[in-house]
Each structure stands twice: as structure tokens, then as C-alpha cells.
PDB file of N, CA and C in Angstrom:
ATOM      1  N   MET A   1     -18.385  -5.946  30.539  1.00  0.00           N
ATOM      2  CA  MET A   1     -17.083  -5.626  30.324  1.00  0.00           C
ATOM      3  C   MET A   1     -16.898  -6.110  29.130  1.00  0.00           C
ATOM      4  N   GLU A   2     -16.088  -5.459  28.173  1.00  0.00           N
ATOM      5  CA  GLU A   2     -16.602  -6.257  26.413  1.00  0.00           C
ATOM      6  C   GLU A   2     -14.942  -7.354  26.555  1.00  0.00           C
ATOM      7  N   LYS A   3     -15.163  -8.074  25.416  1.00  0.00           N
ATOM      8  CA  LYS A   3     -13.576  -9.239  25.504  1.00  0.00           C
ATOM      9  C   LYS A   3     -13.176  -8.545  24.292  1.00  0.00           C
ATOM     10  N   ASP A   4     -12.024  -8.692  24.628  1.00  0.00           N
ATOM     11  CA  ASP A   4     -11.124  -8.748  23.782  1.00  0.00           C
ATOM     12  C   ASP A   4     -11.091  -9.355  22.087  1.00  0.00           C
ATOM     13  N   LEU A   5     -10.812  -8.512  21.673  1.00  0.00           N
ATOM     14  CA  LEU A   5     -11.159  -8.733  19.843  1.00  0.00           C
ATOM     15  C   LEU A   5      -9.332  -8.863  19.316  1.00  0.00           C
ATOM     16  N   ILE A   6      -9.702 -10.415  18.989  1.00  0.00           N
ATOM     17  CA  ILE A   6      -8.634 -11.267  18.242  1.00  0.00           C
ATOM     18  C   ILE A   6      -8.473 -10.639  16.990  1.00  0.00           C
ATOM     19  N   LEU A   7      -6.928  -9.602  16.768  1.00  0.00           N
ATOM     20  CA  LEU A   7      -6.622  -9.456  15.427  1.00  0.00           C
ATOM     21  C   LEU A   7      -5.275  -9.851  15.091  1.00  0.00           C
ATOM     22  N   THR A   8      -5.644 -10.490  13.699  1.00  0.00           N
ATOM     23  CA  THR A   8      -4.057 -11.259  12.972  1.00  0.00           C
ATOM     24  C   THR A   8      -4.115 -11.091  12.123  1.00  0.00           C
ATOM     25  N   ASN A   9      -3.046 -11.319  11.460  1.00  0.00           N
ATOM     26  CA  ASN A   9      -2.470 -11.188   9.928  1.00  0.00           C
ATOM     27  C   ASN A   9      -2.243 -12.680   8.940  1.00  0.00           C
ATOM     28  N   MET A  10      -2.728 -13.573   9.947  1.00  0.00           N
ATOM     29  CA  MET A  10      -3.110 -14.919   9.614  1.00  0.00           C
ATOM     30  C   MET A  10      -4.353 -15.080   8.969  1.00  0.00           C
ATOM     31  N   GLU A  11      -4.517 -15.837   7.925  1.00  0.00           N
ATOM     32  CA  GLU A  11      -6.216 -16.441   7.583  1.00  0.00           C
ATOM     33  C   GLU A  11      -6.665 -17.428   8.933  1.00  0.00           C
ATOM     34  N   THR A  12      -5.996 -18.084   9.296  1.00  0.00           N
ATOM     35  CA  THR A  12      -6.519 -19.039  10.837  1.00  0.00           C
ATOM     36  C   THR A  12      -5.935 -18.645  11.786  1.00  0.00           C
ATOM     37  N   LEU A  13      -6.721 -18.811  13.248  1.00  0.00           N
ATOM     38  CA  LEU A  13      -6.125 -18.975  14.201  1.00  0.00           C
ATOM     39  C   LEU A  13      -6.578 -20.210  14.530  1.00  0.00           C
ATOM     40  N   PRO A  14      -4.665 -20.760  15.089  1.00  0.00           N
ATOM     41  CA  PRO A  14      -4.575 -22.191  15.992  1.00  0.00           C
ATOM     42  C   PRO A  14      -5.340 -21.715  17.197  1.00  0.00           C
ATOM     43  N   GLY A  15      -6.398 -23.757  17.017  1.00  0.00           N
ATOM     44  CA  GLY A  15      -7.218 -23.615  18.114  1.00  0.00           C
ATOM     45  C   GLY A  15      -8.368 -23.247  18.431  1.00  0.00           C
ATOM     46  N   HIS A  16      -8.821 -22.418  17.674  1.00  0.00           N
ATOM     47  CA  HIS A  16     -10.351 -21.990  17.291  1.00  0.00           C
ATOM     48  C   HIS A  16     -10.314 -22.286  15.202  1.00  0.00           C
ATOM     49  N   ARG A  17     -11.870 -22.030  15.179  1.00  0.00           N
ATOM     50  CA  ARG A  17     -12.665 -22.388  14.007  1.00  0.00           C
ATOM     51  C   ARG A  17     -13.221 -21.495  13.104  1.00  0.00           C
ATOM     52  N   ILE A  18     -13.666 -21.056  12.336  1.00  0.00           N
ATOM     53  CA  ILE A  18     -14.281 -19.889  11.640  1.00  0.00           C
ATOM     54  C   ILE A  18     -15.106 -20.700  11.725  1.00  0.00           C
ATOM     55  N   VAL A  19     -16.797 -19.916  12.459  1.00  0.00           N
ATOM     56  CA  VAL A  19     -18.253 -20.573  12.320  1.00  0.00           C
ATOM     57  C   VAL A  19     -18.979 -19.711  11.572  1.00  0.00           C
ATOM     58  N   GLU A  20     -17.998 -18.439  11.138  1.00  0.00           N
ATOM     59  CA  GLU A  20     -19.098 -17.345  10.560  1.00  0.00           C
ATOM     60  C   GLU A  20     -18.532 -16.561  10.032  1.00  0.00           C
ATOM     61  N   HIS A  21     -18.419 -16.098   8.571  1.00  0.00           N
ATOM     62  CA  HIS A  21     -17.886 -14.926   8.184  1.00  0.00           C
ATOM     63  C   HIS A  21     -18.757 -13.382   8.546  1.00  0.00           C
ATOM     64  N   LEU A  22     -18.038 -12.560   8.979  1.00  0.00           N
ATOM     65  CA  LEU A  22     -19.058 -10.973   8.672  1.00  0.00           C
ATOM     66  C   LEU A  22     -18.844 -10.264   7.934  1.00  0.00           C
ATOM     67  N   GLY A  23     -17.749 -10.539   7.435  1.00  0.00           N
ATOM     68  CA  GLY A  23     -17.497  -9.418   6.074  1.00  0.00           C
ATOM     69  C   GLY A  23     -15.953  -8.454   5.897  1.00  0.00           C
ATOM     70  N   LEU A  24     -16.057  -7.854   5.272  1.00  0.00           N
ATOM     71  CA  LEU A  24     -14.714  -6.774   5.009  1.00  0.00           C
ATOM     72  C   LEU A  24     -14.945  -5.699   6.568  1.00  0.00           C
ATOM     73  N   VAL A  25     -14.337  -5.272   7.185  1.00  0.00           N
ATOM     74  CA  VAL A  25     -13.980  -4.364   8.283  1.00  0.00           C
ATOM     75  C   VAL A  25     -12.997  -3.617   7.508  1.00  0.00           C
ATOM     76  N   GLN A  26     -12.800  -1.990   7.990  1.00  0.00           N
ATOM     77  CA  GLN A  26     -11.724  -1.142   7.363  1.00  0.00           C
ATOM     78  C   GLN A  26     -12.113   0.436   8.187  1.00  0.00           C
ATOM     79  N   GLY A  27     -10.889   0.864   8.392  1.00  0.00           N
ATOM     80  CA  GLY A  27     -10.458   2.005   8.953  1.00  0.00           C
ATOM     81  C   GLY A  27      -9.805   2.753   8.591  1.00  0.00           C
ATOM     82  N   ASN A  28      -9.619   3.919   8.341  1.00  0.00           N
ATOM     83  CA  ASN A  28      -8.518   4.875   8.427  1.00  0.00           C
ATOM     84  C   ASN A  28      -8.651   6.110   8.692  1.00  0.00           C
ATOM     85  N   THR A  29      -7.285   6.437   8.336  1.00  0.00           N
ATOM     86  CA  THR A  29      -6.865   8.157   8.978  1.00  0.00           C
ATOM     87  C   THR A  29      -6.115   9.143   7.432  1.00  0.00           C
ATOM     88  N   ILE A  30      -6.253   9.957   7.817  1.00  0.00           N
ATOM     89  CA  ILE A  30      -5.577  10.864   7.185  1.00  0.00           C
ATOM     90  C   ILE A  30      -4.487  11.712   8.076  1.00  0.00           C
ATOM     91  N   ARG A  31      -3.149  11.777   7.705  1.00  0.00           N
ATOM     92  CA  ARG A  31      -2.669  12.589   8.425  1.00  0.00           C
ATOM     93  C   ARG A  31      -1.425  13.097   7.631  1.00  0.00           C
ATOM     94  N   ALA A  32      -1.534  14.806   8.088  1.00  0.00           N
ATOM     95  CA  ALA A  32      -0.644  15.680   7.358  1.00  0.00           C
ATOM     96  C   ALA A  32       0.734  15.852   8.397  1.00  0.00           C
ATOM     97  N   LYS A  33       1.893  15.808   7.641  1.00  0.00           N
ATOM     98  CA  LYS A  33       2.818  16.677   8.170  1.00  0.00           C
ATOM     99  C   LYS A  33       3.064  17.492   8.870  1.00  0.00           C
ATOM    100  N   HIS A  34       4.100  17.701   9.858  1.00  0.00           N
ATOM    101  CA  HIS A  34       3.888  18.692  10.867  1.00  0.00           C
ATOM    102  C   HIS A  34       5.065  19.833  10.335  1.00  0.00           C
ATOM    103  N   ILE A  35       5.596  20.838  10.425  1.00  0.00           N
ATOM    104  CA  ILE A  35       6.112  21.455  10.197  1.00  0.00           C
ATOM    105  C   ILE A  35       7.572  21.607  10.956  1.00  0.00           C
ATOM    106  N   GLY A  36       7.123  21.238  12.095  1.00  0.00           N
ATOM    107  CA  GLY A  36       8.160  20.649  13.402  1.00  0.00           C
ATOM    108  C   GLY A  36       8.826  19.726  12.902  1.00  0.00           C
ATOM    109  N   ARG A  37       7.861  18.692  12.651  1.00  0.00           N
ATOM    110  CA  ARG A  37       8.583  17.488  12.344  1.00  0.00           C
ATOM    111  C   ARG A  37       9.373  17.895  10.241  1.00  0.00           C
ATOM    112  N   ASP A  38       8.991  18.777  10.039  1.00  0.00           N
ATOM    113  CA  ASP A  38       9.679  18.103   8.327  1.00  0.00           C
ATOM    114  C   ASP A  38      11.449  18.786   8.426  1.00  0.00           C
ATOM    115  N   ILE A  39      11.507  20.052   9.872  1.00  0.00           N
ATOM    116  CA  ILE A  39      12.498  20.861  10.604  1.00  0.00           C
ATOM    117  C   ILE A  39      13.096  19.667  10.605  1.00  0.00           C
ATOM    118  N   MET A  40      13.113  18.506  11.561  1.00  0.00           N
ATOM    119  CA  MET A  40      13.993  17.736  12.145  1.00  0.00           C
ATOM    120  C   MET A  40      14.385  16.376  11.091  1.00  0.00           C
ATOM    121  N   ALA A  41      13.230  16.639   9.924  1.00  0.00           N
ATOM    122  CA  ALA A  41      13.443  15.663   8.972  1.00  0.00           C
ATOM    123  C   ALA A  41      14.575  15.676   8.149  1.00  0.00           C
ATOM    124  N   GLY A  42      14.238  17.983   8.010  1.00  0.00           N
ATOM    125  CA  GLY A  42      15.414  17.763   7.142  1.00  0.00           C
ATOM    126  C   GLY A  42      16.575  17.878   7.826  1.00  0.00           C
ATOM    127  N   LEU A  43      16.924  18.058   8.796  1.00  0.00           N
ATOM    128  CA  LEU A  43      18.143  18.075   9.679  1.00  0.00           C
ATOM    129  C   LEU A  43      18.598  16.623   9.683  1.00  0.00           C
ATOM    130  N   LYS A  44      17.935  15.052  10.157  1.00  0.00           N
ATOM    131  CA  LYS A  44      18.427  14.034   9.886  1.00  0.00           C
ATOM    132  C   LYS A  44      19.112  13.409   8.614  1.00  0.00           C
ATOM    133  N   ASN A  45      18.267  14.285   7.417  1.00  0.00           N
ATOM    134  CA  ASN A  45      18.781  13.692   5.883  1.00  0.00           C
ATOM    135  C   ASN A  45      19.794  14.229   5.576  1.00  0.00           C
ATOM    136  N   ILE A  46      20.178  15.444   6.322  1.00  0.00           N
ATOM    137  CA  ILE A  46      22.180  15.712   6.663  1.00  0.00           C
ATOM    138  C   ILE A  46      22.876  14.856   6.911  1.00  0.00           C
ATOM    139  N   VAL A  47      22.473  14.539   8.426  1.00  0.00           N
ATOM    140  CA  VAL A  47      23.377  13.440   9.225  1.00  0.00           C
ATOM    141  C   VAL A  47      22.972  12.057   9.382  1.00  0.00           C
ATOM    142  N   GLY A  48      21.749  11.706   8.784  1.00  0.00           N
ATOM    143  CA  GLY A  48      21.566  10.352   9.111  1.00  0.00           C
ATOM    144  C   GLY A  48      20.765   9.735  10.158  1.00  0.00           C
ATOM    145  N   GLY A  49      19.860   9.295  10.110  1.00  0.00           N
ATOM    146  CA  GLY A  49      19.635   8.314  11.628  1.00  0.00           C
ATOM    147  C   GLY A  49      18.074   8.559  11.528  1.00  0.00           C
ATOM    148  N   GLU A  50      17.058   7.488  12.004  1.00  0.00           N
ATOM    149  CA  GLU A  50      15.590   7.399  12.387  1.00  0.00           C
ATOM    150  C   GLU A  50      15.275   8.892  12.246  1.00  0.00           C
ATOM    151  N   LEU A  51      13.920   9.569  11.484  1.00  0.00           N
ATOM    152  CA  LEU A  51      13.258  10.266  11.641  1.00  0.00           C
ATOM    153  C   LEU A  51      12.092  10.383  12.376  1.00  0.00           C
ATOM    154  N   LYS A  52      12.521  10.386  13.654  1.00  0.00           N
ATOM    155  CA  LYS A  52      11.570   9.933  14.623  1.00  0.00           C
ATOM    156  C   LYS A  52       9.710  10.569  14.956  1.00  0.00           C
ATOM    157  N   GLY A  53       9.898  11.642  14.345  1.00  0.00           N
ATOM    158  CA  GLY A  53       8.906  12.058  13.997  1.00  0.00           C
ATOM    159  C   GLY A  53       7.995  11.592  13.401  1.00  0.00           C
ATOM    160  N   TYR A  54       8.237  11.276  12.104  1.00  0.00           N
ATOM    161  CA  TYR A  54       7.179  10.613  11.050  1.00  0.00           C
ATOM    162  C   TYR A  54       6.958   9.168  11.632  1.00  0.00           C
ATOM    163  N   THR A  55       7.705   8.366  12.437  1.00  0.00           N
ATOM    164  CA  THR A  55       7.842   7.079  13.185  1.00  0.00           C
ATOM    165  C   THR A  55       6.489   7.409  13.926  1.00  0.00           C
ATOM    166  N   GLU A  56       6.019   8.026  14.520  1.00  0.00           N
ATOM    167  CA  GLU A  56       5.854   8.759  16.061  1.00  0.00           C
ATOM    168  C   GLU A  56       4.307   9.417  15.046  1.00  0.00           C
ATOM    169  N   LEU A  57       4.326   9.474  13.779  1.00  0.00           N
ATOM    170  CA  LEU A  57       3.077  10.102  13.017  1.00  0.00           C
ATOM    171  C   LEU A  57       2.702   8.763  12.657  1.00  0.00           C
ATOM    172  N   LEU A  58       3.470   7.877  11.628  1.00  0.00           N
ATOM    173  CA  LEU A  58       2.743   6.510  11.332  1.00  0.00           C
ATOM    174  C   LEU A  58       1.833   5.432  12.943  1.00  0.00           C
ATOM    175  N   SER A  59       3.073   5.560  13.381  1.00  0.00           N
ATOM    176  CA  SER A  59       2.651   4.576  14.375  1.00  0.00           C
ATOM    177  C   SER A  59       0.888   5.115  15.328  1.00  0.00           C
ATOM    178  N   GLU A  60       0.866   6.388  15.278  1.00  0.00           N
ATOM    179  CA  GLU A  60      -0.297   7.261  15.667  1.00  0.00           C
ATOM    180  C   GLU A  60      -1.321   6.925  14.669  1.00  0.00           C
ATOM    181  N   ALA A  61      -1.162   7.087  13.445  1.00  0.00           N
ATOM    182  CA  ALA A  61      -2.093   6.664  12.156  1.00  0.00           C
ATOM    183  C   ALA A  61      -2.531   5.222  12.524  1.00  0.00           C
ATOM    184  N   ARG A  62      -1.522   4.342  12.565  1.00  0.00           N
ATOM    185  CA  ARG A  62      -1.801   3.038  12.605  1.00  0.00           C
ATOM    186  C   ARG A  62      -3.113   2.419  13.165  1.00  0.00           C
ATOM    187  N   LYS A  63      -2.543   3.193  14.920  1.00  0.00           N
ATOM    188  CA  LYS A  63      -3.264   2.585  15.427  1.00  0.00           C
ATOM    189  C   LYS A  63      -4.869   3.417  15.909  1.00  0.00           C
ATOM    190  N   GLU A  64      -4.597   4.470  15.180  1.00  0.00           N
ATOM    191  CA  GLU A  64      -6.531   5.010  15.141  1.00  0.00           C
ATOM    192  C   GLU A  64      -7.087   4.454  13.830  1.00  0.00           C
ATOM    193  N   ALA A  65      -6.397   3.822  12.799  1.00  0.00           N
ATOM    194  CA  ALA A  65      -7.371   2.581  11.837  1.00  0.00           C
ATOM    195  C   ALA A  65      -6.769   1.990  12.426  1.00  0.00           C
ATOM    196  N   THR A  66      -6.603   0.867  13.192  1.00  0.00           N
ATOM    197  CA  THR A  66      -6.903  -0.270  13.553  1.00  0.00           C
ATOM    198  C   THR A  66      -8.041  -0.092  14.220  1.00  0.00           C
ATOM    199  N   GLU A  67      -7.639   0.707  15.213  1.00  0.00           N
ATOM    200  CA  GLU A  67      -9.332   1.396  16.034  1.00  0.00           C
ATOM    201  C   GLU A  67     -10.232   1.283  15.480  1.00  0.00           C
ATOM    202  N   ARG A  68     -10.610   2.427  14.262  1.00  0.00           N
ATOM    203  CA  ARG A  68     -11.594   1.924  14.146  1.00  0.00           C
ATOM    204  C   ARG A  68     -12.143   1.083  12.894  1.00  0.00           C
ATOM    205  N   MET A  69     -11.263   0.397  12.396  1.00  0.00           N
ATOM    206  CA  MET A  69     -11.991  -0.954  12.235  1.00  0.00           C
ATOM    207  C   MET A  69     -12.095  -1.988  13.110  1.00  0.00           C
ATOM    208  N   SER A  70     -11.334  -2.221  14.497  1.00  0.00           N
ATOM    209  CA  SER A  70     -11.886  -2.689  15.519  1.00  0.00           C
ATOM    210  C   SER A  70     -13.370  -2.554  15.708  1.00  0.00           C
ATOM    211  N   ARG A  71     -13.829  -1.160  15.758  1.00  0.00           N
ATOM    212  CA  ARG A  71     -14.905  -0.649  16.115  1.00  0.00           C
ATOM    213  C   ARG A  71     -16.332  -1.394  15.316  1.00  0.00           C
ATOM    214  N   GLN A  72     -15.837  -1.042  14.470  1.00  0.00           N
ATOM    215  CA  GLN A  72     -16.828  -1.720  12.745  1.00  0.00           C
ATOM    216  C   GLN A  72     -16.881  -3.432  13.160  1.00  0.00           C
ATOM    217  N   ALA A  73     -16.070  -3.939  13.672  1.00  0.00           N
ATOM    218  CA  ALA A  73     -16.322  -5.448  13.342  1.00  0.00           C
ATOM    219  C   ALA A  73     -17.071  -5.714  14.984  1.00  0.00           C
ATOM    220  N   ARG A  74     -17.056  -5.185  16.332  1.00  0.00           N
ATOM    221  CA  ARG A  74     -17.259  -5.292  17.207  1.00  0.00           C
ATOM    222  C   ARG A  74     -18.563  -4.908  16.843  1.00  0.00           C
ATOM    223  N   GLU A  75     -19.578  -3.881  16.447  1.00  0.00           N
ATOM    224  CA  GLU A  75     -20.353  -3.638  15.846  1.00  0.00           C
ATOM    225  C   GLU A  75     -21.020  -4.829  15.606  1.00  0.00           C
ATOM    226  N   LEU A  76     -20.261  -5.403  14.271  1.00  0.00           N
ATOM    227  CA  LEU A  76     -20.885  -6.443  13.794  1.00  0.00           C
ATOM    228  C   LEU A  76     -20.880  -7.708  15.014  1.00  0.00           C
ATOM    229  N   GLY A  77     -20.160  -8.054  16.316  1.00  0.00           N
ATOM    230  CA  GLY A  77     -20.573  -8.899  17.084  1.00  0.00           C
ATOM    231  C   GLY A  77     -19.630  -9.990  16.572  1.00  0.00           C
ATOM    232  N   ALA A  78     -18.515  -9.427  15.913  1.00  0.00           N
ATOM    233  CA  ALA A  78     -17.014 -10.165  15.648  1.00  0.00           C
ATOM    234  C   ALA A  78     -16.053 -10.432  16.851  1.00  0.00           C
ATOM    235  N   ASP A  79     -15.208 -12.215  16.763  1.00  0.00           N
ATOM    236  CA  ASP A  79     -14.662 -12.263  17.963  1.00  0.00           C
ATOM    237  C   ASP A  79     -12.876 -11.948  17.058  1.00  0.00           C
ATOM    238  N   ALA A  80     -13.481 -11.855  15.945  1.00  0.00           N
ATOM    239  CA  ALA A  80     -11.387 -11.565  15.899  1.00  0.00           C
ATOM    240  C   ALA A  80     -11.554 -10.947  14.722  1.00  0.00           C
ATOM    241  N   ILE A  81     -10.568  -9.901  13.788  1.00  0.00           N
ATOM    242  CA  ILE A  81     -10.321 -10.205  12.576  1.00  0.00           C
ATOM    243  C   ILE A  81      -9.238 -10.716  12.076  1.00  0.00           C
ATOM    244  N   VAL A  82      -9.512 -11.047  10.829  1.00  0.00           N
ATOM    245  CA  VAL A  82      -8.303 -12.142  10.181  1.00  0.00           C
ATOM    246  C   VAL A  82      -8.376 -11.485   9.215  1.00  0.00           C
ATOM    247  N   ASN A  83      -6.314 -12.441   8.815  1.00  0.00           N
ATOM    248  CA  ASN A  83      -5.957 -11.497   7.479  1.00  0.00           C
ATOM    249  C   ASN A  83      -5.962 -10.059   7.783  1.00  0.00           C
ATOM    250  N   ILE A  84      -5.512  -9.394   8.339  1.00  0.00           N
ATOM    251  CA  ILE A  84      -5.585  -8.053   8.523  1.00  0.00           C
ATOM    252  C   ILE A  84      -4.446  -7.159   7.590  1.00  0.00           C
ATOM    253  N   ARG A  85      -4.749  -6.331   6.714  1.00  0.00           N
ATOM    254  CA  ARG A  85      -3.393  -5.194   5.940  1.00  0.00           C
ATOM    255  C   ARG A  85      -3.399  -4.012   6.043  1.00  0.00           C
ATOM    256  N   PHE A  86      -2.375  -3.534   5.512  1.00  0.00           N
ATOM    257  CA  PHE A  86      -1.809  -1.879   6.137  1.00  0.00           C
ATOM    258  C   PHE A  86      -1.758  -1.552   4.625  1.00  0.00           C
ATOM    259  N   ALA A  87      -1.850  -0.245   4.150  1.00  0.00           N
ATOM    260  CA  ALA A  87      -2.239   0.266   3.359  1.00  0.00           C
ATOM    261  C   ALA A  87      -1.758   1.548   3.406  1.00  0.00           C
ATOM    262  N   THR A  88      -1.002   2.519   2.498  1.00  0.00           N
ATOM    263  CA  THR A  88      -0.781   3.667   2.818  1.00  0.00           C
ATOM    264  C   THR A  88      -1.375   4.601   1.089  1.00  0.00           C
ATOM    265  N   SER A  89      -1.241   5.756   1.228  1.00  0.00           N
ATOM    266  CA  SER A  89      -1.409   6.475   0.200  1.00  0.00           C
ATOM    267  C   SER A  89      -1.289   7.457  -0.311  1.00  0.00           C
ATOM    268  N   SER A  90      -1.111   8.012  -1.551  1.00  0.00           N
ATOM    269  CA  SER A  90      -0.704   9.594  -1.307  1.00  0.00           C
ATOM    270  C   SER A  90      -1.866  10.700  -1.392  1.00  0.00           C
ATOM    271  N   VAL A  91      -2.913  11.708  -0.741  1.00  0.00           N
ATOM    272  CA  VAL A  91      -4.068  12.783  -0.660  1.00  0.00           C
ATOM    273  C   VAL A  91      -3.684  13.091  -0.842  1.00  0.00           C
ATOM    274  N   MET A  92      -2.234  14.405  -1.031  1.00  0.00           N
ATOM    275  CA  MET A  92      -2.392  14.882  -1.999  1.00  0.00           C
ATOM    276  C   MET A  92      -0.560  15.343  -1.216  1.00  0.00           C
ATOM    277  N   GLN A  93       0.176  16.296  -1.387  1.00  0.00           N
ATOM    278  CA  GLN A  93       1.318  16.598  -1.173  1.00  0.00           C
ATOM    279  C   GLN A  93       1.616  17.024   0.440  1.00  0.00           C
ATOM    280  N   GLY A  94       2.032  16.562   1.064  1.00  0.00           N
ATOM    281  CA  GLY A  94       1.928  16.689   2.520  1.00  0.00           C
ATOM    282  C   GLY A  94       1.455  15.870   3.834  1.00  0.00           C
ATOM    283  N   ALA A  95       0.317  15.092   2.890  1.00  0.00           N
ATOM    284  CA  ALA A  95      -1.126  14.274   3.483  1.00  0.00           C
ATOM    285  C   ALA A  95      -0.668  13.047   2.824  1.00  0.00           C
ATOM    286  N   ALA A  96      -0.944  12.341   4.062  1.00  0.00           N
ATOM    287  CA  ALA A  96      -0.587  10.491   3.432  1.00  0.00           C
ATOM    288  C   ALA A  96      -2.392   9.921   4.017  1.00  0.00           C
ATOM    289  N   GLU A  97      -2.878   9.097   3.475  1.00  0.00           N
ATOM    290  CA  GLU A  97      -4.141   8.152   4.092  1.00  0.00           C
ATOM    291  C   GLU A  97      -3.234   6.480   4.575  1.00  0.00           C
ATOM    292  N   LEU A  98      -3.506   5.862   6.061  1.00  0.00           N
ATOM    293  CA  LEU A  98      -3.186   4.623   6.245  1.00  0.00           C
ATOM    294  C   LEU A  98      -4.615   4.180   6.678  1.00  0.00           C
ATOM    295  N   PHE A  99      -4.943   3.089   6.011  1.00  0.00           N
ATOM    296  CA  PHE A  99      -5.631   2.412   5.328  1.00  0.00           C
ATOM    297  C   PHE A  99      -5.521   0.778   6.171  1.00  0.00           C
ATOM    298  N   ALA A 100      -6.077   0.362   7.367  1.00  0.00           N
ATOM    299  CA  ALA A 100      -6.384  -1.031   7.761  1.00  0.00           C
ATOM    300  C   ALA A 100      -7.745  -1.437   7.100  1.00  0.00           C
ATOM    301  N   TYR A 101      -7.278  -3.139   7.443  1.00  0.00           N
ATOM    302  CA  TYR A 101      -8.987  -3.748   6.678  1.00  0.00           C
ATOM    303  C   TYR A 101      -8.009  -5.434   6.800  1.00  0.00           C
ATOM    304  N   GLY A 102      -9.657  -6.165   6.896  1.00  0.00           N
ATOM    305  CA  GLY A 102      -9.770  -7.543   7.332  1.00  0.00           C
ATOM    306  C   GLY A 102     -10.604  -8.031   7.470  1.00  0.00           C
ATOM    307  N   THR A 103     -11.278  -9.122   7.239  1.00  0.00           N
ATOM    308  CA  THR A 103     -12.310  -9.415   7.952  1.00  0.00           C
ATOM    309  C   THR A 103     -13.049 -10.165   9.125  1.00  0.00           C
ATOM    310  N   ALA A 104     -14.176  -9.767   9.407  1.00  0.00           N
ATOM    311  CA  ALA A 104     -14.456  -9.845  10.514  1.00  0.00           C
ATOM    312  C   ALA A 104     -14.861 -11.300  11.004  1.00  0.00           C
ATOM    313  N   VAL A 105     -14.988 -11.788  11.854  1.00  0.00           N
ATOM    314  CA  VAL A 105     -15.010 -13.588  12.027  1.00  0.00           C
ATOM    315  C   VAL A 105     -15.768 -13.595  13.306  1.00  0.00           C
ATOM    316  N   LYS A 106     -16.874 -14.894  13.689  1.00  0.00           N
ATOM    317  CA  LYS A 106     -16.994 -15.638  14.772  1.00  0.00           C
ATOM    318  C   LYS A 106     -15.988 -16.738  14.720  1.00  0.00           C
ATOM    319  N   LEU A 107     -15.319 -16.853  16.128  1.00  0.00           N
ATOM    320  CA  LEU A 107     -14.986 -17.927  15.899  1.00  0.00           C
ATOM    321  C   LEU A 107     -15.527 -19.260  17.485  1.00  0.00           C
ATOM    322  N   GLU A 108     -14.857 -20.045  17.108  1.00  0.00           N
ATOM    323  CA  GLU A 108     -15.466 -21.298  17.640  1.00  0.00           C
ATOM    324  C   GLU A 108     -13.951 -21.813  18.673  1.00  0.00           C
ATOM    325  N   LYS A 109     -13.894 -22.468  19.968  1.00  0.00           N
ATOM    326  CA  LYS A 109     -12.537 -23.274  20.410  1.00  0.00           C
ATOM    327  C   LYS A 109     -12.869 -24.688  19.439  1.00  0.00           C
ATOM    328  N   GLU A 110     -11.721 -25.214  19.187  1.00  0.00           N
ATOM    329  CA  GLU A 110     -11.562 -26.224  18.474  1.00  0.00           C
ATOM    330  C   GLU A 110     -11.664 -27.686  19.768  1.00  0.00           C
TER     331      GLU A 110
END
């Protein structure tokens, strides 16, 4: 059974000491807008409210990018990924990249 990988946006983990720095790990995905979501978003622009289709799209993209980053860390034998950050960028009109990155480390309990 594979042990759980600790993911955090902190630089350190309380109760643990970083004993080895394994390097930068990253994961990304590029997602395009869906015509159905665009139509619903246009309607929401008129009446206001959350654009749930886009919220779901970004949530799925964050999950996929995080899973890809985690897989890379596991391949390096990491116990954790610290200092995790997310970034987005427009690739073309209607498509955006979501990029997750952090530092893979080996830990020791204090």
C-alpha cells in the first residue's frame, strides 16, 4: 500500500524535519471552455451569481494538475511536497493552463 503524500503550501511541516531536498515537481493541464458553460455563463452575467460551470472546470483542472505533480514526487520517493503554488495562464482564447508546482522533500519526525 502506498503511503499518503503530505501536500502543503507552508515551507515547513510542524513536527517534521526536512532531511532531503528532492527538487521541483510540477503538474499542469490545459482546459478549453465548453459552449454549454459559455451559454450558462452569459445568462449568469445578466442576473448575477456564481458561474458554477467554470468553478467546476477550474476545480477539475486543479485536481488534475495536483495529481500529476504528486505522481512526479512519488517517483522521486518524496514524503511531502512543500511550498505548493498554483498559477494560471491563457494559452489561447477560450483555453487556459493551470500549473501546480512545489518542492519534493523527504521528512523525518522530530
